[in-house]
Amino acid sequence: MRKIILILSLIIISVKSFSQVTFKPGVRTGLNIASITKTKDGSKIAFYIGAIGELRFGGKYALQPEIGYSRQGSKRYDLEYLSIKLTNKFYGFKGIPMFLLIAPGIDFNLHGNTQSYSGDTYYSVNFEADLSFSAGFGYDFPNGLGVEARYKRGIIDVNVDSFYEEDGLDNKVNSVVQIGVFYKFGKKRE
């Protein structure tokens, strides 16, 4: 009898836990203010657009895979990326649908037109990807619409033309401020 009660209790707890998980697909778009660090080249205004899928686990945490197109670079350099991110959203403001986000990602250079240099041989090679890390905050409106702001920083050197260097051979990476909107489809929050 105890085993039956224990099994029923576990089933009820499991069903209750999984019933709090929701999935909402959506889209996001916005403005990029992009630059390349340690260069004298100025920033450029560009855009991003993509698809999201938010898995909400209860009221405090959501995991949001994202795929999108992002134009970056600087005034002189146009870089285009296919971005794949795994955004972690943390809700914790009592009754206010604000969130903080942390998003590691990988950005595939669609043109492969930047170069990275080997420290041992000084030969240049084209690279095809950048690792990135984003952090930011946002707000969910009740109708599925939301706004967010992020700071995205690349990790891999995009070693551009040395004529515009500030500090010799230091790493030059993507630096992007993103301001945008998103819309999640599905049942609206009540």
N, C-alpha and C. Protein backbone atom coordinates (compact mmCIF):
# COMPACT_ATOMS: atom_id res chain seq x y z
N MET A 1 0.82 -1.19 0.00
CA MET A 1 0.00 0.00 0.00
C MET A 1 0.87 1.27 0.00
N ARG A 2 1.96 1.23 0.78
CA ARG A 2 2.86 2.38 0.83
C ARG A 2 3.47 2.66 -0.53
N LYS A 3 3.83 1.59 -1.25
CA LYS A 3 4.42 1.78 -2.58
C LYS A 3 3.43 2.45 -3.53
N ILE A 4 2.18 2.06 -3.47
CA ILE A 4 1.16 2.64 -4.33
C ILE A 4 0.98 4.13 -4.00
N ILE A 5 0.94 4.46 -2.72
CA ILE A 5 0.81 5.86 -2.31
C ILE A 5 2.03 6.67 -2.76
N LEU A 6 3.21 6.09 -2.59
CA LEU A 6 4.43 6.76 -3.02
C LEU A 6 4.44 7.00 -4.53
N ILE A 7 4.08 5.98 -5.30
CA ILE A 7 4.05 6.10 -6.76
C ILE A 7 3.02 7.14 -7.20
N LEU A 8 1.83 7.12 -6.60
CA LEU A 8 0.81 8.11 -6.93
C LEU A 8 1.27 9.53 -6.57
N SER A 9 1.93 9.67 -5.44
CA SER A 9 2.45 10.98 -5.04
C SER A 9 3.48 11.49 -6.04
N LEU A 10 4.40 10.62 -6.48
CA LEU A 10 5.39 11.02 -7.47
C LEU A 10 4.75 11.40 -8.80
N ILE A 11 3.74 10.68 -9.21
CA ILE A 11 3.04 10.99 -10.46
C ILE A 11 2.37 12.35 -10.37
N ILE A 12 1.70 12.62 -9.25
CA ILE A 12 1.02 13.90 -9.07
C ILE A 12 2.01 15.06 -9.06
N ILE A 13 3.14 14.88 -8.37
CA ILE A 13 4.17 15.92 -8.33
C ILE A 13 4.75 16.14 -9.72
N SER A 14 5.02 15.06 -10.46
CA SER A 14 5.57 15.18 -11.81
C SER A 14 4.61 15.88 -12.74
N VAL A 15 3.33 15.52 -12.71
CA VAL A 15 2.33 16.15 -13.57
C VAL A 15 2.22 17.63 -13.24
N LYS A 16 2.21 17.96 -11.96
CA LYS A 16 2.12 19.37 -11.54
C LYS A 16 3.34 20.14 -12.02
N SER A 17 4.53 19.54 -11.91
CA SER A 17 5.76 20.22 -12.34
C SER A 17 5.76 20.45 -13.84
N PHE A 18 5.41 19.43 -14.62
CA PHE A 18 5.44 19.57 -16.07
C PHE A 18 4.30 20.43 -16.59
N SER A 19 3.22 20.57 -15.85
CA SER A 19 2.12 21.41 -16.30
C SER A 19 2.49 22.89 -16.25
N GLN A 20 3.53 23.25 -15.52
CA GLN A 20 3.97 24.64 -15.45
C GLN A 20 4.91 25.00 -16.59
N VAL A 21 5.34 24.04 -17.38
CA VAL A 21 6.23 24.33 -18.51
C VAL A 21 5.37 24.71 -19.71
N THR A 22 5.68 25.89 -20.29
CA THR A 22 4.97 26.34 -21.48
C THR A 22 5.97 26.62 -22.58
N PHE A 23 5.52 26.50 -23.83
CA PHE A 23 6.37 26.81 -24.99
C PHE A 23 5.66 27.84 -25.84
N LYS A 24 6.37 28.91 -26.19
CA LYS A 24 5.82 29.94 -27.06
C LYS A 24 6.85 30.29 -28.14
N PRO A 25 6.53 30.01 -29.41
CA PRO A 25 7.41 30.46 -30.49
C PRO A 25 7.21 31.96 -30.72
N GLY A 26 8.18 32.59 -31.35
CA GLY A 26 8.05 34.01 -31.60
C GLY A 26 9.10 34.53 -32.56
N VAL A 27 9.11 35.84 -32.71
CA VAL A 27 10.07 36.53 -33.57
C VAL A 27 10.65 37.71 -32.80
N ARG A 28 11.87 38.12 -33.20
CA ARG A 28 12.50 39.29 -32.60
C ARG A 28 13.22 40.08 -33.67
N THR A 29 13.27 41.38 -33.51
CA THR A 29 13.97 42.25 -34.44
C THR A 29 14.38 43.52 -33.72
N GLY A 30 15.34 44.22 -34.30
CA GLY A 30 15.76 45.45 -33.67
C GLY A 30 16.98 46.08 -34.30
N LEU A 31 17.53 47.01 -33.57
CA LEU A 31 18.63 47.85 -34.00
C LEU A 31 19.93 47.38 -33.38
N ASN A 32 20.98 47.29 -34.18
CA ASN A 32 22.34 47.03 -33.71
C ASN A 32 23.14 48.32 -33.78
N ILE A 33 23.82 48.65 -32.72
CA ILE A 33 24.83 49.71 -32.74
C ILE A 33 26.14 48.97 -32.59
N ALA A 34 26.82 48.74 -33.71
CA ALA A 34 27.94 47.80 -33.76
C ALA A 34 29.27 48.53 -33.96
N SER A 35 30.31 47.94 -33.36
CA SER A 35 31.67 48.44 -33.56
C SER A 35 32.63 47.27 -33.38
N ILE A 36 33.88 47.53 -33.72
CA ILE A 36 34.95 46.55 -33.50
C ILE A 36 35.92 47.19 -32.51
N THR A 37 36.16 46.51 -31.40
CA THR A 37 37.00 47.08 -30.35
C THR A 37 38.42 47.30 -30.84
N LYS A 38 39.10 48.23 -30.20
CA LYS A 38 40.51 48.54 -30.43
C LYS A 38 40.81 48.94 -31.87
N THR A 39 39.85 49.62 -32.49
CA THR A 39 40.08 50.23 -33.80
C THR A 39 39.63 51.68 -33.71
N LYS A 40 40.12 52.49 -34.61
CA LYS A 40 39.70 53.89 -34.65
C LYS A 40 38.50 54.08 -35.55
N ASP A 41 38.04 53.01 -36.16
CA ASP A 41 36.87 53.06 -37.01
C ASP A 41 35.63 53.21 -36.13
N GLY A 42 34.70 54.05 -36.52
CA GLY A 42 33.52 54.32 -35.71
C GLY A 42 32.49 53.20 -35.73
N SER A 43 31.43 53.40 -34.98
CA SER A 43 30.36 52.41 -34.94
C SER A 43 29.40 52.62 -36.10
N LYS A 44 28.61 51.59 -36.37
CA LYS A 44 27.63 51.66 -37.44
C LYS A 44 26.27 51.23 -36.90
N ILE A 45 25.23 51.71 -37.54
CA ILE A 45 23.86 51.34 -37.21
C ILE A 45 23.46 50.23 -38.18
N ALA A 46 22.98 49.12 -37.64
CA ALA A 46 22.58 47.98 -38.47
C ALA A 46 21.32 47.36 -37.84
N PHE A 47 21.01 46.13 -38.17
CA PHE A 47 19.80 45.50 -37.64
C PHE A 47 20.02 44.02 -37.39
N TYR A 48 19.06 43.42 -36.68
CA TYR A 48 19.01 41.97 -36.50
C TYR A 48 17.57 41.53 -36.62
N ILE A 49 17.37 40.28 -36.98
CA ILE A 49 16.03 39.70 -37.09
C ILE A 49 16.17 38.20 -36.84
N GLY A 50 15.17 37.59 -36.21
CA GLY A 50 15.28 36.16 -35.96
C GLY A 50 14.03 35.54 -35.38
N ALA A 51 14.14 34.24 -35.10
CA ALA A 51 13.06 33.45 -34.52
C ALA A 51 13.48 32.99 -33.13
N ILE A 52 12.50 32.89 -32.23
CA ILE A 52 12.74 32.45 -30.86
C ILE A 52 11.75 31.35 -30.50
N GLY A 53 12.06 30.62 -29.45
CA GLY A 53 11.15 29.63 -28.90
C GLY A 53 11.34 29.60 -27.39
N GLU A 54 10.43 30.22 -26.66
CA GLU A 54 10.60 30.34 -25.21
C GLU A 54 9.99 29.14 -24.48
N LEU A 55 10.82 28.45 -23.71
CA LEU A 55 10.37 27.39 -22.81
C LEU A 55 10.34 27.98 -21.41
N ARG A 56 9.16 28.22 -20.88
CA ARG A 56 9.01 28.84 -19.56
C ARG A 56 8.82 27.75 -18.52
N PHE A 57 9.73 27.71 -17.55
CA PHE A 57 9.68 26.74 -16.45
C PHE A 57 9.19 27.46 -15.21
N GLY A 58 7.88 27.45 -14.98
CA GLY A 58 7.33 28.14 -13.83
C GLY A 58 7.41 29.65 -14.01
N GLY A 59 7.46 30.36 -12.90
CA GLY A 59 7.42 31.81 -12.97
C GLY A 59 8.75 32.52 -12.97
N LYS A 60 9.85 31.83 -12.66
CA LYS A 60 11.12 32.52 -12.44
C LYS A 60 12.17 32.33 -13.54
N TYR A 61 12.02 31.32 -14.41
CA TYR A 61 13.07 31.02 -15.37
C TYR A 61 12.48 30.60 -16.72
N ALA A 62 13.14 31.05 -17.79
CA ALA A 62 12.78 30.62 -19.15
C ALA A 62 14.06 30.39 -19.94
N LEU A 63 14.05 29.35 -20.74
CA LEU A 63 15.15 29.04 -21.65
C LEU A 63 14.65 29.35 -23.05
N GLN A 64 15.39 30.18 -23.78
CA GLN A 64 14.91 30.66 -25.07
C GLN A 64 15.95 30.44 -26.16
N PRO A 65 15.87 29.33 -26.90
CA PRO A 65 16.75 29.16 -28.06
C PRO A 65 16.40 30.20 -29.12
N GLU A 66 17.43 30.71 -29.81
CA GLU A 66 17.22 31.73 -30.83
C GLU A 66 18.08 31.43 -32.05
N ILE A 67 17.56 31.79 -33.22
CA ILE A 67 18.33 31.74 -34.45
C ILE A 67 18.00 33.02 -35.21
N GLY A 68 19.02 33.66 -35.77
CA GLY A 68 18.74 34.91 -36.45
C GLY A 68 19.87 35.40 -37.33
N TYR A 69 19.59 36.48 -38.02
CA TYR A 69 20.53 37.16 -38.89
C TYR A 69 20.92 38.47 -38.21
N SER A 70 22.22 38.77 -38.17
CA SER A 70 22.69 39.98 -37.50
C SER A 70 23.77 40.65 -38.34
N ARG A 71 23.56 41.94 -38.65
CA ARG A 71 24.59 42.74 -39.35
C ARG A 71 25.39 43.46 -38.29
N GLN A 72 26.71 43.35 -38.39
CA GLN A 72 27.60 43.92 -37.39
C GLN A 72 28.81 44.52 -38.10
N GLY A 73 29.87 44.79 -37.36
CA GLY A 73 31.08 45.34 -37.92
C GLY A 73 31.34 46.73 -37.41
N SER A 74 31.73 47.63 -38.33
CA SER A 74 32.00 49.02 -37.99
C SER A 74 31.71 49.86 -39.22
N LYS A 75 32.01 51.15 -39.16
CA LYS A 75 31.74 52.02 -40.32
C LYS A 75 32.36 51.48 -41.59
N ARG A 76 33.54 50.94 -41.47
CA ARG A 76 34.29 50.51 -42.64
C ARG A 76 34.09 49.03 -42.99
N TYR A 77 33.67 48.22 -42.03
CA TYR A 77 33.57 46.78 -42.25
C TYR A 77 32.14 46.30 -42.06
N ASP A 78 31.63 45.59 -43.06
CA ASP A 78 30.31 44.98 -42.99
C ASP A 78 30.48 43.51 -42.68
N LEU A 79 30.00 43.09 -41.54
CA LEU A 79 30.03 41.68 -41.17
C LEU A 79 28.60 41.19 -41.01
N GLU A 80 28.30 40.03 -41.56
CA GLU A 80 26.96 39.45 -41.48
C GLU A 80 27.06 38.09 -40.84
N TYR A 81 26.21 37.83 -39.85
CA TYR A 81 26.28 36.58 -39.11
C TYR A 81 24.93 35.88 -39.05
N LEU A 82 24.98 34.56 -39.07
CA LEU A 82 23.86 33.71 -38.68
C LEU A 82 24.13 33.38 -37.22
N SER A 83 23.29 33.87 -36.32
CA SER A 83 23.52 33.73 -34.89
C SER A 83 22.63 32.66 -34.28
N ILE A 84 23.23 31.81 -33.45
CA ILE A 84 22.49 30.81 -32.70
C ILE A 84 22.82 31.05 -31.23
N LYS A 85 21.78 31.29 -30.42
CA LYS A 85 21.97 31.61 -29.01
C LYS A 85 21.08 30.73 -28.14
N LEU A 86 21.50 30.58 -26.91
CA LEU A 86 20.71 29.90 -25.90
C LEU A 86 20.50 30.89 -24.75
N THR A 87 19.44 31.66 -24.84
CA THR A 87 19.18 32.75 -23.90
C THR A 87 18.52 32.22 -22.63
N ASN A 88 19.10 32.59 -21.50
CA ASN A 88 18.57 32.26 -20.18
C ASN A 88 17.92 33.51 -19.62
N LYS A 89 16.60 33.45 -19.37
CA LYS A 89 15.86 34.61 -18.87
C LYS A 89 15.45 34.35 -17.42
N PHE A 90 15.73 35.32 -16.57
CA PHE A 90 15.44 35.21 -15.14
C PHE A 90 14.42 36.27 -14.75
N TYR A 91 13.24 35.79 -14.30
CA TYR A 91 12.17 36.66 -13.82
C TYR A 91 12.20 36.60 -12.30
N GLY A 92 12.14 37.72 -11.63
CA GLY A 92 12.18 37.68 -10.17
C GLY A 92 11.67 38.94 -9.54
N PHE A 93 11.01 39.78 -10.32
CA PHE A 93 10.49 41.03 -9.81
C PHE A 93 9.02 40.82 -9.49
N LYS A 94 8.67 40.91 -8.23
CA LYS A 94 7.31 40.59 -7.76
C LYS A 94 6.23 41.29 -8.58
N GLY A 95 5.49 40.50 -9.34
CA GLY A 95 4.36 41.02 -10.10
C GLY A 95 4.72 41.85 -11.33
N ILE A 96 5.99 42.09 -11.56
CA ILE A 96 6.42 42.88 -12.72
C ILE A 96 7.07 41.93 -13.72
N PRO A 97 6.59 41.88 -14.96
CA PRO A 97 7.14 40.93 -15.95
C PRO A 97 8.46 41.38 -16.57
N MET A 98 9.39 41.83 -15.74
CA MET A 98 10.73 42.19 -16.21
C MET A 98 11.63 40.98 -16.09
N PHE A 99 12.67 40.94 -16.90
CA PHE A 99 13.61 39.83 -16.82
C PHE A 99 15.03 40.31 -17.08
N LEU A 100 15.98 39.56 -16.56
CA LEU A 100 17.39 39.71 -16.88
C LEU A 100 17.75 38.55 -17.78
N LEU A 101 18.71 38.74 -18.69
CA LEU A 101 19.06 37.65 -19.59
C LEU A 101 20.57 37.51 -19.72
N ILE A 102 20.97 36.26 -19.92
CA ILE A 102 22.36 35.90 -20.21
C ILE A 102 22.30 34.93 -21.39
N ALA A 103 23.10 35.20 -22.43
CA ALA A 103 22.97 34.40 -23.65
C ALA A 103 24.33 34.10 -24.28
N PRO A 104 24.85 32.89 -24.07
CA PRO A 104 26.01 32.49 -24.86
C PRO A 104 25.55 32.12 -26.27
N GLY A 105 26.44 32.27 -27.24
CA GLY A 105 26.04 31.95 -28.60
C GLY A 105 27.22 31.74 -29.53
N ILE A 106 26.89 31.31 -30.73
CA ILE A 106 27.88 31.16 -31.79
C ILE A 106 27.33 31.89 -33.01
N ASP A 107 28.19 32.68 -33.64
CA ASP A 107 27.81 33.46 -34.81
C ASP A 107 28.63 32.97 -36.00
N PHE A 108 27.94 32.49 -37.03
CA PHE A 108 28.61 32.02 -38.23
C PHE A 108 28.71 33.16 -39.24
N ASN A 109 29.93 33.52 -39.60
CA ASN A 109 30.18 34.59 -40.55
C ASN A 109 29.68 34.13 -41.92
N LEU A 110 28.73 34.85 -42.49
CA LEU A 110 28.13 34.42 -43.75
C LEU A 110 29.04 34.64 -44.96
N HIS A 111 30.09 35.46 -44.80
CA HIS A 111 31.00 35.71 -45.91
C HIS A 111 32.42 35.23 -45.64
N GLY A 112 32.78 34.99 -44.41
CA GLY A 112 34.12 34.52 -44.09
C GLY A 112 35.20 35.45 -44.58
N ASN A 113 34.94 36.78 -44.53
CA ASN A 113 35.86 37.72 -45.14
C ASN A 113 36.76 38.45 -44.16
N THR A 114 36.85 37.99 -42.93
CA THR A 114 37.79 38.60 -41.99
C THR A 114 38.91 37.61 -41.74
N GLN A 115 40.00 38.08 -41.19
CA GLN A 115 41.16 37.23 -41.02
C GLN A 115 41.60 37.16 -39.57
N SER A 116 42.19 36.03 -39.21
CA SER A 116 42.79 35.83 -37.90
C SER A 116 44.23 35.38 -38.13
N TYR A 117 45.14 35.77 -37.27
CA TYR A 117 46.55 35.47 -37.48
C TYR A 117 47.08 34.49 -36.45
N SER A 118 47.88 33.54 -36.90
CA SER A 118 48.52 32.59 -36.01
C SER A 118 49.69 33.28 -35.32
N GLY A 119 49.77 33.15 -34.00
CA GLY A 119 50.84 33.77 -33.25
C GLY A 119 52.20 33.17 -33.56
N ASP A 120 52.25 31.93 -33.99
CA ASP A 120 53.53 31.27 -34.25
C ASP A 120 54.06 31.56 -35.65
N THR A 121 53.17 31.58 -36.63
CA THR A 121 53.64 31.67 -38.02
C THR A 121 53.31 32.99 -38.69
N TYR A 122 52.40 33.75 -38.14
CA TYR A 122 51.93 35.02 -38.71
C TYR A 122 51.27 34.84 -40.07
N TYR A 123 50.82 33.63 -40.37
CA TYR A 123 50.04 33.42 -41.59
C TYR A 123 48.59 33.74 -41.29
N SER A 124 47.90 34.34 -42.25
CA SER A 124 46.50 34.66 -42.03
C SER A 124 45.62 33.51 -42.51
N VAL A 125 44.51 33.33 -41.83
CA VAL A 125 43.52 32.33 -42.22
C VAL A 125 42.13 32.94 -42.07
N ASN A 126 41.23 32.61 -42.95
CA ASN A 126 39.85 33.06 -42.81
C ASN A 126 39.16 32.21 -41.75
N PHE A 127 38.38 32.86 -40.91
CA PHE A 127 37.60 32.09 -39.96
C PHE A 127 36.14 32.25 -40.31
N GLU A 128 35.37 31.31 -39.88
CA GLU A 128 33.96 31.28 -40.27
C GLU A 128 33.00 31.51 -39.12
N ALA A 129 33.49 31.67 -37.87
CA ALA A 129 32.57 31.79 -36.75
C ALA A 129 33.15 32.67 -35.65
N ASP A 130 32.27 33.17 -34.81
CA ASP A 130 32.64 33.94 -33.64
C ASP A 130 31.82 33.39 -32.47
N LEU A 131 32.44 33.27 -31.33
CA LEU A 131 31.70 32.95 -30.11
C LEU A 131 31.31 34.27 -29.48
N SER A 132 30.11 34.33 -28.91
CA SER A 132 29.66 35.59 -28.33
C SER A 132 28.99 35.35 -26.98
N PHE A 133 28.86 36.43 -26.26
CA PHE A 133 28.20 36.40 -24.96
C PHE A 133 27.36 37.68 -24.85
N SER A 134 26.09 37.53 -24.49
CA SER A 134 25.19 38.68 -24.36
C SER A 134 24.62 38.74 -22.96
N ALA A 135 24.33 39.95 -22.51
CA ALA A 135 23.65 40.17 -21.24
C ALA A 135 22.72 41.36 -21.42
N GLY A 136 21.61 41.35 -20.71
CA GLY A 136 20.68 42.46 -20.86
C GLY A 136 19.45 42.32 -19.98
N PHE A 137 18.41 43.07 -20.35
CA PHE A 137 17.16 43.06 -19.60
C PHE A 137 16.01 43.32 -20.56
N GLY A 138 14.79 43.04 -20.11
CA GLY A 138 13.63 43.26 -20.96
C GLY A 138 12.35 43.29 -20.18
N TYR A 139 11.25 43.46 -20.91
CA TYR A 139 9.92 43.56 -20.30
C TYR A 139 8.92 42.85 -21.21
N ASP A 140 8.08 42.00 -20.62
CA ASP A 140 7.00 41.29 -21.34
C ASP A 140 5.68 42.02 -21.12
N PHE A 141 5.03 42.47 -22.20
CA PHE A 141 3.69 43.03 -22.10
C PHE A 141 2.67 41.89 -22.12
N PRO A 142 1.46 42.09 -21.60
CA PRO A 142 0.47 41.00 -21.53
C PRO A 142 0.02 40.45 -22.88
N ASN A 143 0.15 41.20 -23.96
CA ASN A 143 -0.36 40.76 -25.27
C ASN A 143 0.64 39.95 -26.09
N GLY A 144 1.79 39.56 -25.51
CA GLY A 144 2.79 38.77 -26.23
C GLY A 144 3.95 39.60 -26.75
N LEU A 145 3.77 40.91 -26.78
CA LEU A 145 4.82 41.82 -27.24
C LEU A 145 5.80 42.08 -26.09
N GLY A 146 7.04 42.36 -26.44
CA GLY A 146 8.04 42.68 -25.42
C GLY A 146 9.14 43.56 -25.98
N VAL A 147 9.90 44.17 -25.09
CA VAL A 147 11.05 44.99 -25.47
C VAL A 147 12.26 44.50 -24.70
N GLU A 148 13.44 44.69 -25.28
CA GLU A 148 14.65 44.28 -24.59
C GLU A 148 15.85 45.09 -25.07
N ALA A 149 16.87 45.11 -24.23
CA ALA A 149 18.15 45.74 -24.56
C ALA A 149 19.24 44.76 -24.16
N ARG A 150 20.22 44.58 -25.04
CA ARG A 150 21.32 43.64 -24.79
C ARG A 150 22.65 44.27 -25.15
N TYR A 151 23.69 43.79 -24.49
CA TYR A 151 25.05 44.09 -24.92
C TYR A 151 25.67 42.76 -25.31
N LYS A 152 26.17 42.69 -26.54
CA LYS A 152 26.75 41.46 -27.09
C LYS A 152 28.23 41.70 -27.36
N ARG A 153 29.05 40.78 -26.90
CA ARG A 153 30.50 40.91 -27.08
C ARG A 153 31.03 39.63 -27.72
N GLY A 154 31.79 39.78 -28.81
CA GLY A 154 32.43 38.64 -29.44
C GLY A 154 33.65 38.22 -28.65
N ILE A 155 34.13 37.02 -28.92
CA ILE A 155 35.31 36.49 -28.23
C ILE A 155 36.47 36.29 -29.20
N ILE A 156 36.17 35.90 -30.44
CA ILE A 156 37.21 35.59 -31.42
C ILE A 156 37.63 36.86 -32.16
N ASP A 157 38.92 37.03 -32.34
CA ASP A 157 39.50 38.18 -33.01
C ASP A 157 38.98 38.29 -34.45
N VAL A 158 38.53 39.49 -34.83
CA VAL A 158 38.12 39.73 -36.22
C VAL A 158 39.17 40.55 -36.93
N ASN A 159 40.40 40.35 -36.61
CA ASN A 159 41.58 41.10 -37.05
C ASN A 159 41.37 41.78 -38.39
N VAL A 160 40.94 43.04 -38.33
CA VAL A 160 40.69 43.83 -39.52
C VAL A 160 41.93 44.64 -39.87
N ASP A 161 41.86 45.39 -40.93
CA ASP A 161 42.97 46.18 -41.46
C ASP A 161 43.77 46.88 -40.36
N SER A 162 45.07 46.62 -40.30
CA SER A 162 45.92 47.15 -39.23
C SER A 162 46.11 48.66 -39.31
N PHE A 163 45.75 49.28 -40.43
CA PHE A 163 45.88 50.73 -40.56
C PHE A 163 45.06 51.47 -39.51
N TYR A 164 43.96 50.88 -39.08
CA TYR A 164 43.08 51.52 -38.12
C TYR A 164 43.28 51.03 -36.70
N GLU A 165 44.34 50.33 -36.41
CA GLU A 165 44.58 49.79 -35.07
C GLU A 165 44.92 50.89 -34.08
N GLU A 166 44.50 50.71 -32.85
CA GLU A 166 44.91 51.59 -31.77
C GLU A 166 46.09 51.01 -31.02
N ASP A 167 46.04 49.71 -30.72
CA ASP A 167 47.02 49.10 -29.82
C ASP A 167 47.74 47.92 -30.44
N GLY A 168 48.33 48.05 -31.59
CA GLY A 168 49.13 46.98 -32.16
C GLY A 168 48.35 45.73 -32.47
N LEU A 169 48.81 44.57 -31.93
CA LEU A 169 48.23 43.28 -32.27
C LEU A 169 47.18 42.78 -31.27
N ASP A 170 46.62 43.66 -30.45
CA ASP A 170 45.59 43.23 -29.50
C ASP A 170 44.36 42.72 -30.25
N ASN A 171 43.61 41.85 -29.58
CA ASN A 171 42.39 41.30 -30.18
C ASN A 171 41.38 42.40 -30.48
N LYS A 172 40.80 42.30 -31.65
CA LYS A 172 39.72 43.18 -32.07
C LYS A 172 38.48 42.30 -32.19
N VAL A 173 37.46 42.59 -31.39
CA VAL A 173 36.27 41.75 -31.36
C VAL A 173 35.02 42.59 -31.60
N ASN A 174 33.94 41.91 -31.97
CA ASN A 174 32.66 42.57 -32.16
C ASN A 174 32.14 43.08 -30.82
N SER A 175 31.58 44.27 -30.84
CA SER A 175 30.94 44.87 -29.67
C SER A 175 29.63 45.47 -30.17
N VAL A 176 28.50 44.98 -29.66
CA VAL A 176 27.20 45.36 -30.22
C VAL A 176 26.21 45.67 -29.11
N VAL A 177 25.54 46.82 -29.21
CA VAL A 177 24.40 47.13 -28.36
C VAL A 177 23.17 46.84 -29.20
N GLN A 178 22.26 46.01 -28.68
CA GLN A 178 21.04 45.64 -29.40
C GLN A 178 19.83 46.18 -28.63
N ILE A 179 18.97 46.89 -29.34
CA ILE A 179 17.73 47.40 -28.77
C ILE A 179 16.61 46.93 -29.70
N GLY A 180 15.63 46.20 -29.14
CA GLY A 180 14.63 45.64 -30.04
C GLY A 180 13.34 45.26 -29.39
N VAL A 181 12.49 44.64 -30.21
CA VAL A 181 11.18 44.16 -29.79
C VAL A 181 11.07 42.68 -30.15
N PHE A 182 10.18 42.00 -29.46
CA PHE A 182 9.89 40.60 -29.79
C PHE A 182 8.39 40.37 -29.63
N TYR A 183 7.93 39.33 -30.27
CA TYR A 183 6.53 38.94 -30.14
C TYR A 183 6.47 37.43 -29.98
N LYS A 184 5.77 36.96 -28.92
CA LYS A 184 5.58 35.54 -28.68
C LYS A 184 4.15 35.17 -29.01
N PHE A 185 4.00 34.15 -29.86
CA PHE A 185 2.68 33.67 -30.26
C PHE A 185 2.12 32.76 -29.16
N GLY A 186 0.84 32.52 -29.20
CA GLY A 186 0.23 31.61 -28.24
C GLY A 186 -0.68 32.32 -27.27
N LYS A 187 -1.13 31.57 -26.27
CA LYS A 187 -2.04 32.11 -25.26
C LYS A 187 -1.40 33.28 -24.54
N LYS A 188 -2.14 34.33 -24.38
CA LYS A 188 -1.61 35.53 -23.75
C LYS A 188 -1.61 35.38 -22.23
N ARG A 189 -0.69 36.11 -21.60
CA ARG A 189 -0.58 36.09 -20.14
C ARG A 189 -1.79 36.82 -19.55
N GLU A 190 -2.31 36.28 -18.46
CA GLU A 190 -3.49 36.89 -17.81
C GLU A 190 -3.10 37.63 -16.56
